Amino acid sequence: MTFPWLRRAVVAVIGFTVLAIGLAMVVLPGPAIVVIPLGLTVLATEFVWARRLLQKARATIARKTSGKKDD
């Protein structure tokens, strides 16, 4: 017997924990720029809103990095 709600709950707990740690790293020392997308990636495996937010973030990063000029 499988428990799909259990998998969703575990993914939610892990994803929100990683996301919260990443948000804390915005003001604390640490690689927030890496940890926040990691938390969203975990959440995106089960939640559509996280998948959309992650896609928007990737598009924004791609747009900003493609506009950079070499010195």
PDB file of N, CA and C in Angstrom:
ATOM      1  N   MET A   1       0.843  -1.171   0.000  1.00  0.00           N
ATOM      2  CA  MET A   1       0.000   0.000   0.000  1.00  0.00           C
ATOM      3  C   MET A   1       0.896   1.244   0.000  1.00  0.00           C
ATOM      4  N   THR A   2       0.569   2.188  -0.877  1.00  0.00           N
ATOM      5  CA  THR A   2       1.365   3.411  -0.957  1.00  0.00           C
ATOM      6  C   THR A   2       0.613   4.570  -0.313  1.00  0.00           C
ATOM      7  N   PHE A   3       1.353   5.519   0.133  1.00  0.00           N
ATOM      8  CA  PHE A   3       0.793   6.704   0.773  1.00  0.00           C
ATOM      9  C   PHE A   3       1.282   7.947   0.034  1.00  0.00           C
ATOM     10  N   PRO A   4       0.583   8.352  -1.032  1.00  0.00           N
ATOM     11  CA  PRO A   4       1.051   9.526  -1.792  1.00  0.00           C
ATOM     12  C   PRO A   4       1.072  10.801  -0.954  1.00  0.00           C
ATOM     13  N   TRP A   5       0.187  10.928   0.001  1.00  0.00           N
ATOM     14  CA  TRP A   5       0.160  12.110   0.857  1.00  0.00           C
ATOM     15  C   TRP A   5       1.400  12.161   1.750  1.00  0.00           C
ATOM     16  N   LEU A   6       1.935  10.967   2.101  1.00  0.00           N
ATOM     17  CA  LEU A   6       3.131  10.917   2.936  1.00  0.00           C
ATOM     18  C   LEU A   6       4.345  11.435   2.162  1.00  0.00           C
ATOM     19  N   ARG A   7       4.463  11.016   0.909  1.00  0.00           N
ATOM     20  CA  ARG A   7       5.562  11.497   0.058  1.00  0.00           C
ATOM     21  C   ARG A   7       5.468  13.008  -0.104  1.00  0.00           C
ATOM     22  N   ARG A   8       4.262  13.505  -0.349  1.00  0.00           N
ATOM     23  CA  ARG A   8       4.056  14.949  -0.522  1.00  0.00           C
ATOM     24  C   ARG A   8       4.418  15.707   0.757  1.00  0.00           C
ATOM     25  N   ALA A   9       4.061  15.148   1.891  1.00  0.00           N
ATOM     26  CA  ALA A   9       4.369  15.790   3.173  1.00  0.00           C
ATOM     27  C   ALA A   9       5.873  15.805   3.430  1.00  0.00           C
ATOM     28  N   VAL A  10       6.547  14.707   3.133  1.00  0.00           N
ATOM     29  CA  VAL A  10       8.001  14.637   3.343  1.00  0.00           C
ATOM     30  C   VAL A  10       8.716  15.622   2.419  1.00  0.00           C
ATOM     31  N   VAL A  11       8.281  15.681   1.160  1.00  0.00           N
ATOM     32  CA  VAL A  11       8.884  16.630   0.219  1.00  0.00           C
ATOM     33  C   VAL A  11       8.644  18.061   0.691  1.00  0.00           C
ATOM     34  N   ALA A  12       7.450  18.340   1.198  1.00  0.00           N
ATOM     35  CA  ALA A  12       7.141  19.685   1.691  1.00  0.00           C
ATOM     36  C   ALA A  12       8.021  20.056   2.876  1.00  0.00           C
ATOM     37  N   VAL A  13       8.180  19.155   3.810  1.00  0.00           N
ATOM     38  CA  VAL A  13       8.997  19.447   4.995  1.00  0.00           C
ATOM     39  C   VAL A  13      10.451  19.678   4.600  1.00  0.00           C
ATOM     40  N   ILE A  14      10.994  18.794   3.778  1.00  0.00           N
ATOM     41  CA  ILE A  14      12.392  18.937   3.356  1.00  0.00           C
ATOM     42  C   ILE A  14      12.582  20.206   2.521  1.00  0.00           C
ATOM     43  N   GLY A  15      11.693  20.415   1.557  1.00  0.00           N
ATOM     44  CA  GLY A  15      11.808  21.582   0.681  1.00  0.00           C
ATOM     45  C   GLY A  15      11.698  22.899   1.424  1.00  0.00           C
ATOM     46  N   PHE A  16      10.691  23.006   2.320  1.00  0.00           N
ATOM     47  CA  PHE A  16      10.533  24.251   3.068  1.00  0.00           C
ATOM     48  C   PHE A  16      11.677  24.463   4.053  1.00  0.00           C
ATOM     49  N   THR A  17      12.225  23.391   4.585  1.00  0.00           N
ATOM     50  CA  THR A  17      13.372  23.524   5.490  1.00  0.00           C
ATOM     51  C   THR A  17      14.589  24.068   4.739  1.00  0.00           C
ATOM     52  N   VAL A  18      14.869  23.494   3.578  1.00  0.00           N
ATOM     53  CA  VAL A  18      16.003  23.967   2.772  1.00  0.00           C
ATOM     54  C   VAL A  18      15.768  25.408   2.326  1.00  0.00           C
ATOM     55  N   LEU A  19      14.530  25.715   1.931  1.00  0.00           N
ATOM     56  CA  LEU A  19      14.200  27.079   1.516  1.00  0.00           C
ATOM     57  C   LEU A  19      14.364  28.063   2.671  1.00  0.00           C
ATOM     58  N   ALA A  20      13.924  27.689   3.858  1.00  0.00           N
ATOM     59  CA  ALA A  20      14.061  28.564   5.030  1.00  0.00           C
ATOM     60  C   ALA A  20      15.529  28.796   5.382  1.00  0.00           C
ATOM     61  N   ILE A  21      16.336  27.748   5.280  1.00  0.00           N
ATOM     62  CA  ILE A  21      17.771  27.902   5.525  1.00  0.00           C
ATOM     63  C   ILE A  21      18.379  28.859   4.497  1.00  0.00           C
ATOM     64  N   GLY A  22      17.975  28.717   3.243  1.00  0.00           N
ATOM     65  CA  GLY A  22      18.462  29.612   2.199  1.00  0.00           C
ATOM     66  C   GLY A  22      18.055  31.051   2.436  1.00  0.00           C
ATOM     67  N   LEU A  23      16.809  31.254   2.867  1.00  0.00           N
ATOM     68  CA  LEU A  23      16.357  32.617   3.164  1.00  0.00           C
ATOM     69  C   LEU A  23      17.108  33.202   4.349  1.00  0.00           C
ATOM     70  N   ALA A  24      17.431  32.372   5.328  1.00  0.00           N
ATOM     71  CA  ALA A  24      18.219  32.841   6.465  1.00  0.00           C
ATOM     72  C   ALA A  24      19.623  33.243   6.015  1.00  0.00           C
ATOM     73  N   MET A  25      20.131  32.556   5.001  1.00  0.00           N
ATOM     74  CA  MET A  25      21.471  32.856   4.506  1.00  0.00           C
ATOM     75  C   MET A  25      21.533  34.182   3.754  1.00  0.00           C
ATOM     76  N   VAL A  26      20.393  34.766   3.475  1.00  0.00           N
ATOM     77  CA  VAL A  26      20.404  36.086   2.847  1.00  0.00           C
ATOM     78  C   VAL A  26      21.035  37.094   3.798  1.00  0.00           C
ATOM     79  N   VAL A  27      20.763  36.948   5.096  1.00  0.00           N
ATOM     80  CA  VAL A  27      21.339  37.874   6.080  1.00  0.00           C
ATOM     81  C   VAL A  27      22.486  37.252   6.861  1.00  0.00           C
ATOM     82  N   LEU A  28      22.585  35.946   6.849  1.00  0.00           N
ATOM     83  CA  LEU A  28      23.678  35.243   7.517  1.00  0.00           C
ATOM     84  C   LEU A  28      24.709  34.815   6.475  1.00  0.00           C
ATOM     85  N   PRO A  29      25.917  34.498   6.899  1.00  0.00           N
ATOM     86  CA  PRO A  29      26.911  34.053   5.921  1.00  0.00           C
ATOM     87  C   PRO A  29      26.538  32.682   5.344  1.00  0.00           C
ATOM     88  N   GLY A  30      26.641  32.587   4.049  1.00  0.00           N
ATOM     89  CA  GLY A  30      26.352  31.321   3.393  1.00  0.00           C
ATOM     90  C   GLY A  30      25.926  31.541   1.954  1.00  0.00           C
ATOM     91  N   PRO A  31      25.885  30.477   1.195  1.00  0.00           N
ATOM     92  CA  PRO A  31      25.568  30.563  -0.237  1.00  0.00           C
ATOM     93  C   PRO A  31      24.059  30.552  -0.507  1.00  0.00           C
ATOM     94  N   ALA A  32      23.369  31.623  -0.142  1.00  0.00           N
ATOM     95  CA  ALA A  32      21.915  31.690  -0.329  1.00  0.00           C
ATOM     96  C   ALA A  32      21.530  31.545  -1.794  1.00  0.00           C
ATOM     97  N   ILE A  33      22.355  32.057  -2.680  1.00  0.00           N
ATOM     98  CA  ILE A  33      22.057  32.013  -4.113  1.00  0.00           C
ATOM     99  C   ILE A  33      22.010  30.572  -4.637  1.00  0.00           C
ATOM    100  N   VAL A  34      22.616  29.649  -3.914  1.00  0.00           N
ATOM    101  CA  VAL A  34      22.602  28.231  -4.294  1.00  0.00           C
ATOM    102  C   VAL A  34      21.519  27.477  -3.532  1.00  0.00           C
ATOM    103  N   VAL A  35      21.342  27.782  -2.273  1.00  0.00           N
ATOM    104  CA  VAL A  35      20.443  27.011  -1.413  1.00  0.00           C
ATOM    105  C   VAL A  35      18.974  27.301  -1.711  1.00  0.00           C
ATOM    106  N   ILE A  36      18.629  28.538  -2.011  1.00  0.00           N
ATOM    107  CA  ILE A  36      17.229  28.873  -2.293  1.00  0.00           C
ATOM    108  C   ILE A  36      16.724  28.123  -3.532  1.00  0.00           C
ATOM    109  N   PRO A  37      17.435  28.152  -4.668  1.00  0.00           N
ATOM    110  CA  PRO A  37      16.963  27.361  -5.808  1.00  0.00           C
ATOM    111  C   PRO A  37      16.933  25.849  -5.528  1.00  0.00           C
ATOM    112  N   LEU A  38      17.827  25.378  -4.674  1.00  0.00           N
ATOM    113  CA  LEU A  38      17.814  23.960  -4.308  1.00  0.00           C
ATOM    114  C   LEU A  38      16.518  23.616  -3.578  1.00  0.00           C
ATOM    115  N   GLY A  39      16.110  24.462  -2.647  1.00  0.00           N
ATOM    116  CA  GLY A  39      14.844  24.243  -1.943  1.00  0.00           C
ATOM    117  C   GLY A  39      13.661  24.291  -2.890  1.00  0.00           C
ATOM    118  N   LEU A  40      13.687  25.232  -3.841  1.00  0.00           N
ATOM    119  CA  LEU A  40      12.612  25.302  -4.830  1.00  0.00           C
ATOM    120  C   LEU A  40      12.593  24.081  -5.733  1.00  0.00           C
ATOM    121  N   THR A  41      13.763  23.556  -6.052  1.00  0.00           N
ATOM    122  CA  THR A  41      13.837  22.351  -6.878  1.00  0.00           C
ATOM    123  C   THR A  41      13.205  21.167  -6.165  1.00  0.00           C
ATOM    124  N   VAL A  42      13.464  21.037  -4.880  1.00  0.00           N
ATOM    125  CA  VAL A  42      12.846  19.954  -4.102  1.00  0.00           C
ATOM    126  C   VAL A  42      11.329  20.130  -4.082  1.00  0.00           C
ATOM    127  N   LEU A  43      10.880  21.350  -3.824  1.00  0.00           N
ATOM    128  CA  LEU A  43       9.443  21.605  -3.776  1.00  0.00           C
ATOM    129  C   LEU A  43       8.778  21.423  -5.146  1.00  0.00           C
ATOM    130  N   ALA A  44       9.509  21.721  -6.217  1.00  0.00           N
ATOM    131  CA  ALA A  44       8.951  21.621  -7.567  1.00  0.00           C
ATOM    132  C   ALA A  44       8.658  20.184  -7.978  1.00  0.00           C
ATOM    133  N   THR A  45       9.211  19.215  -7.271  1.00  0.00           N
ATOM    134  CA  THR A  45       8.899  17.824  -7.600  1.00  0.00           C
ATOM    135  C   THR A  45       7.462  17.465  -7.254  1.00  0.00           C
ATOM    136  N   GLU A  46       6.829  18.238  -6.369  1.00  0.00           N
ATOM    137  CA  GLU A  46       5.461  17.943  -5.938  1.00  0.00           C
ATOM    138  C   GLU A  46       4.482  19.095  -6.114  1.00  0.00           C
ATOM    139  N   PHE A  47       4.964  20.329  -6.220  1.00  0.00           N
ATOM    140  CA  PHE A  47       4.077  21.481  -6.218  1.00  0.00           C
ATOM    141  C   PHE A  47       4.254  22.310  -7.487  1.00  0.00           C
ATOM    142  N   VAL A  48       3.143  22.601  -8.153  1.00  0.00           N
ATOM    143  CA  VAL A  48       3.181  23.353  -9.406  1.00  0.00           C
ATOM    144  C   VAL A  48       3.642  24.791  -9.172  1.00  0.00           C
ATOM    145  N   TRP A  49       3.216  25.418  -8.077  1.00  0.00           N
ATOM    146  CA  TRP A  49       3.591  26.809  -7.817  1.00  0.00           C
ATOM    147  C   TRP A  49       5.104  26.947  -7.691  1.00  0.00           C
ATOM    148  N   ALA A  50       5.756  25.951  -7.096  1.00  0.00           N
ATOM    149  CA  ALA A  50       7.216  26.004  -6.947  1.00  0.00           C
ATOM    150  C   ALA A  50       7.894  25.816  -8.303  1.00  0.00           C
ATOM    151  N   ARG A  51       7.317  24.962  -9.140  1.00  0.00           N
ATOM    152  CA  ARG A  51       7.860  24.741 -10.479  1.00  0.00           C
ATOM    153  C   ARG A  51       7.795  26.030 -11.291  1.00  0.00           C
ATOM    154  N   ARG A  52       6.677  26.742 -11.196  1.00  0.00           N
ATOM    155  CA  ARG A  52       6.532  28.013 -11.930  1.00  0.00           C
ATOM    156  C   ARG A  52       7.500  29.065 -11.413  1.00  0.00           C
ATOM    157  N   LEU A  53       7.638  29.152 -10.102  1.00  0.00           N
ATOM    158  CA  LEU A  53       8.562  30.118  -9.513  1.00  0.00           C
ATOM    159  C   LEU A  53      10.003  29.816  -9.914  1.00  0.00           C
ATOM    160  N   LEU A  54      10.362  28.552  -9.942  1.00  0.00           N
ATOM    161  CA  LEU A  54      11.705  28.144 -10.347  1.00  0.00           C
ATOM    162  C   LEU A  54      11.956  28.475 -11.817  1.00  0.00           C
ATOM    163  N   GLN A  55      10.963  28.261 -12.671  1.00  0.00           N
ATOM    164  CA  GLN A  55      11.103  28.602 -14.093  1.00  0.00           C
ATOM    165  C   GLN A  55      11.292  30.101 -14.283  1.00  0.00           C
ATOM    166  N   LYS A  56      10.536  30.912 -13.525  1.00  0.00           N
ATOM    167  CA  LYS A  56      10.695  32.365 -13.613  1.00  0.00           C
ATOM    168  C   LYS A  56      12.081  32.794 -13.148  1.00  0.00           C
ATOM    169  N   ALA A  57      12.561  32.183 -12.085  1.00  0.00           N
ATOM    170  CA  ALA A  57      13.887  32.514 -11.573  1.00  0.00           C
ATOM    171  C   ALA A  57      14.966  32.147 -12.587  1.00  0.00           C
ATOM    172  N   ARG A  58      14.834  30.975 -13.194  1.00  0.00           N
ATOM    173  CA  ARG A  58      15.811  30.564 -14.212  1.00  0.00           C
ATOM    174  C   ARG A  58      15.798  31.506 -15.402  1.00  0.00           C
ATOM    175  N   ALA A  59      14.603  31.919 -15.830  1.00  0.00           N
ATOM    176  CA  ALA A  59      14.498  32.836 -16.968  1.00  0.00           C
ATOM    177  C   ALA A  59      15.121  34.183 -16.634  1.00  0.00           C
ATOM    178  N   THR A  60      14.890  34.663 -15.432  1.00  0.00           N
ATOM    179  CA  THR A  60      15.467  35.945 -15.016  1.00  0.00           C
ATOM    180  C   THR A  60      16.988  35.872 -14.964  1.00  0.00           C
ATOM    181  N   ILE A  61      17.508  34.794 -14.415  1.00  0.00           N
ATOM    182  CA  ILE A  61      18.962  34.625 -14.344  1.00  0.00           C
ATOM    183  C   ILE A  61      19.558  34.528 -15.741  1.00  0.00           C
ATOM    184  N   ALA A  62      18.916  33.775 -16.620  1.00  0.00           N
ATOM    185  CA  ALA A  62      19.418  33.633 -17.991  1.00  0.00           C
ATOM    186  C   ALA A  62      19.390  34.975 -18.711  1.00  0.00           C
ATOM    187  N   ARG A  63      18.343  35.749 -18.501  1.00  0.00           N
ATOM    188  CA  ARG A  63      18.221  37.059 -19.145  1.00  0.00           C
ATOM    189  C   ARG A  63      19.303  38.016 -18.635  1.00  0.00           C
ATOM    190  N   LYS A  64      19.562  37.995 -17.349  1.00  0.00           N
ATOM    191  CA  LYS A  64      20.567  38.896 -16.770  1.00  0.00           C
ATOM    192  C   LYS A  64      21.982  38.495 -17.165  1.00  0.00           C
ATOM    193  N   THR A  65      22.261  37.194 -17.220  1.00  0.00           N
ATOM    194  CA  THR A  65      23.617  36.766 -17.548  1.00  0.00           C
ATOM    195  C   THR A  65      23.907  36.875 -19.048  1.00  0.00           C
ATOM    196  N   SER A  66      22.893  36.777 -19.889  1.00  0.00           N
ATOM    197  CA  SER A  66      23.138  36.887 -21.333  1.00  0.00           C
ATOM    198  C   SER A  66      23.402  38.323 -21.750  1.00  0.00           C
ATOM    199  N   GLY A  67      22.994  39.278 -20.934  1.00  0.00           N
ATOM    200  CA  GLY A  67      23.202  40.693 -21.252  1.00  0.00           C
ATOM    201  C   GLY A  67      24.532  41.224 -20.779  1.00  0.00           C
ATOM    202  N   LYS A  68      25.326  40.436 -20.084  1.00  0.00           N
ATOM    203  CA  LYS A  68      26.614  40.903 -19.565  1.00  0.00           C
ATOM    204  C   LYS A  68      27.620  41.031 -20.697  1.00  0.00           C
ATOM    205  N   LYS A  69      28.458  42.055 -20.570  1.00  0.00           N
ATOM    206  CA  LYS A  69      29.531  42.255 -21.541  1.00  0.00           C
ATOM    207  C   LYS A  69      30.854  41.907 -20.918  1.00  0.00           C
ATOM    208  N   ASP A  70      31.764  41.372 -21.713  1.00  0.00           N
ATOM    209  CA  ASP A  70      33.116  41.051 -21.217  1.00  0.00           C
ATOM    210  C   ASP A  70      33.916  42.325 -21.066  1.00  0.00           C
ATOM    211  N   ASP A  71      34.721  42.401 -20.044  1.00  0.00           N
ATOM    212  CA  ASP A  71      35.566  43.583 -19.806  1.00  0.00           C
ATOM    213  C   ASP A  71      36.808  43.553 -20.648  1.00  0.00           C
TER     214      ASP A  71
END
